Amino acid sequence: MNGNPRASISEHAFGNALDIASFTLADGRKITVKDGWHGLPEEQGFLRDVQGAACDEFSTVLAPGSNAYHYDHIHVDLMRRRDGHRACNPHAVSGEEVAARAARYVGRRDPGITGSLGPRRSAASFEERRARALPMAEPGGDGEFD
């Protein structure tokens, strides 16, 4: 596990675990865990809702923030532990709450943002929103705090 000869054998070795790196929605949009975890508010909300639902179904759920190895995917497994312990890391937070916080952070609150993704927007609109999601840093400047 993680190249450590002293670690326990991974649940992947038993076919008892999955790593989820992205989701392709019915409308063709792709949300990656790596970019969406801190991406647009609706992407963050969607991924947090996925993590929360996974924590209800699996005995181990490791998402970005749990450790350095899970920065770009969500690990789920059905490991059986004698004490019945379940691991959900980081602590699951509702997608609606995360999306609302993220919307405030980027300076605009869209009342339509929830943990669920809305209908597909045009490709240009989606890319424009992604570009505006966070302010661009300029070398030597402190942005709006100058």
C-alpha atoms as a PDB file:
ATOM      1  CA  MET A   1       0.000   0.000   0.000  1.00  0.00           C
ATOM      2  CA  ASN A   2       1.509   3.302  -1.154  1.00  0.00           C
ATOM      3  CA  GLY A   3       4.836   1.514  -1.639  1.00  0.00           C
ATOM      4  CA  ASN A   4       5.250   0.917   2.095  1.00  0.00           C
ATOM      5  CA  PRO A   5       6.356  -2.691   2.747  1.00  0.00           C
ATOM      6  CA  ARG A   6       5.054  -2.489   6.349  1.00  0.00           C
ATOM      7  CA  ALA A   7       1.558  -1.313   5.420  1.00  0.00           C
ATOM      8  CA  SER A   8      -1.464  -3.584   5.259  1.00  0.00           C
ATOM      9  CA  ILE A   9      -2.508  -4.917   1.879  1.00  0.00           C
ATOM     10  CA  SER A  10      -4.844  -2.490   0.142  1.00  0.00           C
ATOM     11  CA  GLU A  11      -8.499  -3.392  -0.339  1.00  0.00           C
ATOM     12  CA  HIS A  12      -7.817  -2.905  -4.061  1.00  0.00           C
ATOM     13  CA  ALA A  13      -5.768  -6.117  -3.957  1.00  0.00           C
ATOM     14  CA  PHE A  14      -8.933  -7.998  -2.971  1.00  0.00           C
ATOM     15  CA  GLY A  15     -11.155  -6.321  -5.577  1.00  0.00           C
ATOM     16  CA  ASN A  16     -12.938  -4.630  -2.677  1.00  0.00           C
ATOM     17  CA  ALA A  17     -12.209  -0.970  -3.499  1.00  0.00           C
ATOM     18  CA  LEU A  18     -12.693   1.621  -6.225  1.00  0.00           C
ATOM     19  CA  ASP A  19     -10.991   4.914  -7.005  1.00  0.00           C
ATOM     20  CA  ILE A  20     -13.255   7.489  -8.666  1.00  0.00           C
ATOM     21  CA  ALA A  21     -11.461  10.271 -10.538  1.00  0.00           C
ATOM     22  CA  SER A  22     -14.292  11.802 -12.566  1.00  0.00           C
ATOM     23  CA  PHE A  23     -17.964  11.772 -13.438  1.00  0.00           C
ATOM     24  CA  THR A  24     -19.483  12.225 -16.882  1.00  0.00           C
ATOM     25  CA  LEU A  25     -23.008  13.592 -16.562  1.00  0.00           C
ATOM     26  CA  ALA A  26     -25.922  12.694 -18.827  1.00  0.00           C
ATOM     27  CA  ASP A  27     -25.573  16.034 -20.628  1.00  0.00           C
ATOM     28  CA  GLY A  28     -21.918  15.287 -21.460  1.00  0.00           C
ATOM     29  CA  ARG A  29     -20.240  17.491 -18.848  1.00  0.00           C
ATOM     30  CA  LYS A  30     -17.258  15.943 -17.106  1.00  0.00           C
ATOM     31  CA  ILE A  31     -16.425  16.766 -13.493  1.00  0.00           C
ATOM     32  CA  THR A  32     -13.037  15.647 -12.254  1.00  0.00           C
ATOM     33  CA  VAL A  33     -12.351  15.255  -8.558  1.00  0.00           C
ATOM     34  CA  LYS A  34      -8.959  16.935  -8.979  1.00  0.00           C
ATOM     35  CA  ASP A  35     -10.361  20.154 -10.495  1.00  0.00           C
ATOM     36  CA  GLY A  36     -13.913  20.128  -9.165  1.00  0.00           C
ATOM     37  CA  TRP A  37     -13.133  19.627  -5.458  1.00  0.00           C
ATOM     38  CA  HIS A  38     -12.090  23.304  -5.325  1.00  0.00           C
ATOM     39  CA  GLY A  39     -13.742  24.299  -8.627  1.00  0.00           C
ATOM     40  CA  LEU A  40     -17.024  26.018  -9.381  1.00  0.00           C
ATOM     41  CA  PRO A  41     -19.491  26.093  -6.469  1.00  0.00           C
ATOM     42  CA  GLU A  42     -21.848  23.637  -8.156  1.00  0.00           C
ATOM     43  CA  GLU A  43     -18.968  21.224  -8.868  1.00  0.00           C
ATOM     44  CA  GLN A  44     -17.853  21.415  -5.242  1.00  0.00           C
ATOM     45  CA  GLY A  45     -21.412  20.830  -4.056  1.00  0.00           C
ATOM     46  CA  PHE A  46     -21.913  17.867  -6.367  1.00  0.00           C
ATOM     47  CA  LEU A  47     -18.675  16.179  -5.280  1.00  0.00           C
ATOM     48  CA  ARG A  48     -19.384  16.759  -1.569  1.00  0.00           C
ATOM     49  CA  ASP A  49     -22.851  15.220  -2.022  1.00  0.00           C
ATOM     50  CA  VAL A  50     -21.225  12.221  -3.737  1.00  0.00           C
ATOM     51  CA  GLN A  51     -18.764  11.882  -0.867  1.00  0.00           C
ATOM     52  CA  GLY A  52     -21.521  12.146   1.758  1.00  0.00           C
ATOM     53  CA  ALA A  53     -23.638   9.491   0.014  1.00  0.00           C
ATOM     54  CA  ALA A  54     -20.579   7.247  -0.333  1.00  0.00           C
ATOM     55  CA  CYS A  55     -19.895   7.557   3.412  1.00  0.00           C
ATOM     56  CA  ASP A  56     -23.375   6.109   4.021  1.00  0.00           C
ATOM     57  CA  GLU A  57     -22.721   3.112   1.768  1.00  0.00           C
ATOM     58  CA  PHE A  58     -19.025   2.253   2.155  1.00  0.00           C
ATOM     59  CA  SER A  59     -16.918   1.505   5.215  1.00  0.00           C
ATOM     60  CA  THR A  60     -14.016   3.654   3.973  1.00  0.00           C
ATOM     61  CA  VAL A  61     -14.229   6.858   1.930  1.00  0.00           C
ATOM     62  CA  LEU A  62     -11.069   8.899   1.380  1.00  0.00           C
ATOM     63  CA  ALA A  63     -11.380  12.140  -0.595  1.00  0.00           C
ATOM     64  CA  PRO A  64      -9.107  15.112  -1.292  1.00  0.00           C
ATOM     65  CA  GLY A  65      -7.934  16.473   2.029  1.00  0.00           C
ATOM     66  CA  SER A  66      -7.747  13.070   3.686  1.00  0.00           C
ATOM     67  CA  ASN A  67      -4.070  12.612   2.778  1.00  0.00           C
ATOM     68  CA  ALA A  68      -1.591  13.382  -0.005  1.00  0.00           C
ATOM     69  CA  TYR A  69      -2.433  10.199  -1.914  1.00  0.00           C
ATOM     70  CA  HIS A  70      -6.088  11.133  -2.489  1.00  0.00           C
ATOM     71  CA  TYR A  71      -5.744  14.654  -3.945  1.00  0.00           C
ATOM     72  CA  ASP A  72      -7.287  13.678  -7.289  1.00  0.00           C
ATOM     73  CA  HIS A  73      -9.823  10.940  -6.572  1.00  0.00           C
ATOM     74  CA  ILE A  74     -12.319   9.530  -4.100  1.00  0.00           C
ATOM     75  CA  HIS A  75     -11.423   6.094  -2.739  1.00  0.00           C
ATOM     76  CA  VAL A  76     -14.283   3.859  -1.570  1.00  0.00           C
ATOM     77  CA  ASP A  77     -14.037   0.382  -0.099  1.00  0.00           C
ATOM     78  CA  LEU A  78     -15.936  -2.187   1.930  1.00  0.00           C
ATOM     79  CA  MET A  79     -13.211  -3.137   4.423  1.00  0.00           C
ATOM     80  CA  ARG A  80     -14.572  -5.104   7.363  1.00  0.00           C
ATOM     81  CA  ARG A  81     -13.159  -4.009  10.683  1.00  0.00           C
ATOM     82  CA  ARG A  82     -13.626  -5.981  13.890  1.00  0.00           C
ATOM     83  CA  ASP A  83     -14.758  -2.921  15.797  1.00  0.00           C
ATOM     84  CA  GLY A  84     -17.132  -1.831  12.997  1.00  0.00           C
ATOM     85  CA  HIS A  85     -15.286   1.482  12.544  1.00  0.00           C
ATOM     86  CA  ARG A  86     -16.111   3.451   9.406  1.00  0.00           C
ATOM     87  CA  ALA A  87     -13.751   6.037   7.918  1.00  0.00           C
ATOM     88  CA  CYS A  88     -15.080   9.130   6.119  1.00  0.00           C
ATOM     89  CA  ASN A  89     -12.214  11.563   5.500  1.00  0.00           C
ATOM     90  CA  PRO A  90     -12.353  14.466   5.354  1.00  0.00           C
ATOM     91  CA  HIS A  91     -15.558  14.794   7.360  1.00  0.00           C
ATOM     92  CA  ALA A  92     -18.501  14.889   4.949  1.00  0.00           C
ATOM     93  CA  VAL A  93     -20.253  18.261   4.554  1.00  0.00           C
ATOM     94  CA  SER A  94     -23.452  18.753   2.564  1.00  0.00           C
ATOM     95  CA  GLY A  95     -22.985  19.874  -1.003  1.00  0.00           C
ATOM     96  CA  GLU A  96     -25.473  22.698  -0.523  1.00  0.00           C
ATOM     97  CA  GLU A  97     -23.434  24.131   2.361  1.00  0.00           C
ATOM     98  CA  VAL A  98     -20.133  23.831   0.474  1.00  0.00           C
ATOM     99  CA  ALA A  99     -21.587  25.378  -2.701  1.00  0.00           C
ATOM    100  CA  ALA A 100     -23.043  28.304  -0.718  1.00  0.00           C
ATOM    101  CA  ARG A 101     -19.691  28.947   0.988  1.00  0.00           C
ATOM    102  CA  ALA A 102     -17.843  28.721  -2.339  1.00  0.00           C
ATOM    103  CA  ALA A 103     -20.272  31.136  -4.012  1.00  0.00           C
ATOM    104  CA  ARG A 104     -19.694  33.700  -1.246  1.00  0.00           C
ATOM    105  CA  TYR A 105     -15.928  33.247  -1.593  1.00  0.00           C
ATOM    106  CA  VAL A 106     -15.920  34.090  -5.288  1.00  0.00           C
ATOM    107  CA  GLY A 107     -17.995  37.190  -4.580  1.00  0.00           C
ATOM    108  CA  ARG A 108     -21.347  36.296  -6.088  1.00  0.00           C
ATOM    109  CA  ARG A 109     -24.194  34.332  -4.618  1.00  0.00           C
ATOM    110  CA  ASP A 110     -26.342  32.467  -7.106  1.00  0.00           C
ATOM    111  CA  PRO A 111     -29.538  31.434  -5.290  1.00  0.00           C
ATOM    112  CA  GLY A 112     -29.906  28.578  -7.766  1.00  0.00           C
ATOM    113  CA  ILE A 113     -26.727  26.860  -6.548  1.00  0.00           C
ATOM    114  CA  THR A 114     -27.363  23.759  -4.514  1.00  0.00           C
ATOM    115  CA  GLY A 115     -25.535  20.503  -4.073  1.00  0.00           C
ATOM    116  CA  SER A 116     -27.026  19.392  -7.389  1.00  0.00           C
ATOM    117  CA  LEU A 117     -25.906  20.579 -10.783  1.00  0.00           C
ATOM    118  CA  GLY A 118     -28.365  22.593 -12.824  1.00  0.00           C
ATOM    119  CA  PRO A 119     -29.184  22.151 -16.493  1.00  0.00           C
ATOM    120  CA  ARG A 120     -26.374  22.247 -19.013  1.00  0.00           C
ATOM    121  CA  ARG A 121     -25.239  25.681 -20.050  1.00  0.00           C
ATOM    122  CA  SER A 122     -23.658  26.375 -23.399  1.00  0.00           C
ATOM    123  CA  ALA A 123     -19.988  25.401 -23.652  1.00  0.00           C
ATOM    124  CA  ALA A 124     -18.881  29.044 -23.940  1.00  0.00           C
ATOM    125  CA  SER A 125     -20.926  30.060 -20.906  1.00  0.00           C
ATOM    126  CA  PHE A 126     -19.546  27.195 -18.842  1.00  0.00           C
ATOM    127  CA  GLU A 127     -15.943  28.023 -19.809  1.00  0.00           C
ATOM    128  CA  GLU A 128     -16.493  31.719 -19.125  1.00  0.00           C
ATOM    129  CA  ARG A 129     -17.853  30.890 -15.663  1.00  0.00           C
ATOM    130  CA  ARG A 130     -14.886  28.630 -14.958  1.00  0.00           C
ATOM    131  CA  ALA A 131     -12.493  31.428 -15.972  1.00  0.00           C
ATOM    132  CA  ARG A 132     -14.265  33.900 -13.659  1.00  0.00           C
ATOM    133  CA  ALA A 133     -14.548  31.466 -10.724  1.00  0.00           C
ATOM    134  CA  LEU A 134     -11.421  32.738  -8.958  1.00  0.00           C
ATOM    135  CA  PRO A 135      -9.496  35.973  -9.461  1.00  0.00           C
ATOM    136  CA  MET A 136      -6.240  35.676 -11.356  1.00  0.00           C
ATOM    137  CA  ALA A 137      -3.150  36.424  -9.275  1.00  0.00           C
ATOM    138  CA  GLU A 138      -0.716  38.959 -10.650  1.00  0.00           C
ATOM    139  CA  PRO A 139       2.987  38.753  -9.829  1.00  0.00           C
ATOM    140  CA  GLY A 140       3.936  41.191  -7.105  1.00  0.00           C
ATOM    141  CA  GLY A 141       0.351  42.162  -6.327  1.00  0.00           C
ATOM    142  CA  ASP A 142      -1.984  41.214  -3.538  1.00  0.00           C
ATOM    143  CA  GLY A 143      -5.125  41.400  -5.675  1.00  0.00           C
ATOM    144  CA  GLU A 144      -8.002  43.269  -4.066  1.00  0.00           C
ATOM    145  CA  PHE A 145      -6.054  43.700  -0.824  1.00  0.00           C
ATOM    146  CA  ASP A 146      -3.496  46.166  -2.262  1.00  0.00           C
END
